């Protein structure tokens, strides 16, 4: 299993929606630098952030985490 697939998915979804990191961070109510650390894998992505990203992009957690290709 590619456990880093979610990092690519996070960036792809953000770019597909034409959002910058600062915009996504604002929605998640975190600092842009913290979001950047999640997106690059320097910090572990908390469950609350998974939920927030799934809500923002309208995708399942399985899709975001790379478990499934079905959005």
Protein backbone atom coordinates (compact mmCIF):
# COMPACT_ATOMS: atom_id res chain seq x y z
CA UNK A 1 0.00 0.00 0.00
CA UNK A 2 1.26 3.47 -0.90
CA UNK A 3 0.68 5.26 2.39
CA UNK A 4 1.87 8.58 0.91
CA UNK A 5 -0.73 8.61 -1.86
CA UNK A 6 -2.88 10.89 0.27
CA UNK A 7 -0.23 13.61 0.00
CA UNK A 8 -0.57 13.64 -3.78
CA UNK A 9 -4.35 13.55 -3.49
CA UNK A 10 -4.37 16.54 -1.12
CA UNK A 11 -2.34 18.62 -3.54
CA UNK A 12 -4.24 17.44 -6.64
CA UNK A 13 -7.61 18.21 -5.09
CA UNK A 14 -6.45 21.64 -3.97
CA UNK A 15 -5.09 22.46 -7.41
CA UNK A 16 -8.16 21.01 -9.18
CA UNK A 17 -10.28 23.46 -7.21
CA UNK A 18 -7.87 26.35 -7.91
CA UNK A 19 -7.22 26.89 -4.20
CA UNK A 20 -3.98 28.02 -2.67
CA UNK A 21 -2.69 26.56 0.56
CA UNK A 22 -3.68 29.75 2.36
CA UNK A 23 -7.31 29.38 1.23
CA UNK A 24 -7.54 25.76 2.33
CA UNK A 25 -5.89 26.56 5.64
CA UNK A 26 -8.43 29.34 6.25
CA UNK A 27 -11.31 26.92 5.68
CA UNK A 28 -9.69 24.43 8.08
CA UNK A 29 -9.02 27.27 10.55
CA UNK A 30 -5.31 26.61 10.73
CA UNK A 31 -2.19 28.52 9.73
CA UNK A 32 -0.95 28.08 6.15
CA UNK A 33 2.40 26.83 7.42
CA UNK A 34 0.67 24.05 9.36
CA UNK A 35 -1.33 23.06 6.28
CA UNK A 36 1.85 23.02 4.21
CA UNK A 37 3.41 20.59 6.69
CA UNK A 38 0.41 18.28 6.32
CA UNK A 39 0.50 18.45 2.52
CA UNK A 40 4.22 17.71 2.36
CA UNK A 41 4.05 14.93 4.94
CA UNK A 42 6.23 16.65 7.53
CA UNK A 43 3.34 16.46 10.02
CA UNK A 44 0.81 13.66 10.38
CA UNK A 45 -2.63 14.64 9.09
CA UNK A 46 -5.12 14.57 11.99
CA UNK A 47 -8.51 12.93 11.55
CA UNK A 48 -10.23 16.31 12.00
CA UNK A 49 -8.31 17.64 9.00
CA UNK A 50 -9.22 14.56 6.92
CA UNK A 51 -12.86 15.25 7.70
CA UNK A 52 -12.51 18.94 6.83
CA UNK A 53 -10.79 18.22 3.52
CA UNK A 54 -13.39 15.62 2.55
CA UNK A 55 -16.15 18.12 3.28
CA UNK A 56 -14.38 20.89 1.37
CA UNK A 57 -13.77 18.81 -1.75
CA UNK A 58 -16.84 16.59 -1.59
CA UNK A 59 -14.88 13.34 -1.63
CA UNK A 60 -14.80 10.27 0.59
CA UNK A 61 -12.06 9.71 3.13
CA UNK A 62 -11.15 6.51 1.27
CA UNK A 63 -10.51 8.59 -1.85
CA UNK A 64 -8.52 11.26 -0.03
CA UNK A 65 -6.38 8.66 1.74
CA UNK A 66 -5.72 6.71 -1.46
CA UNK A 67 -7.61 3.61 -0.37
CA UNK A 68 -10.08 3.92 -3.23
CA UNK A 69 -10.21 5.67 -6.58
CA UNK A 70 -13.93 6.30 -6.18
CA UNK A 71 -14.60 9.86 -5.07
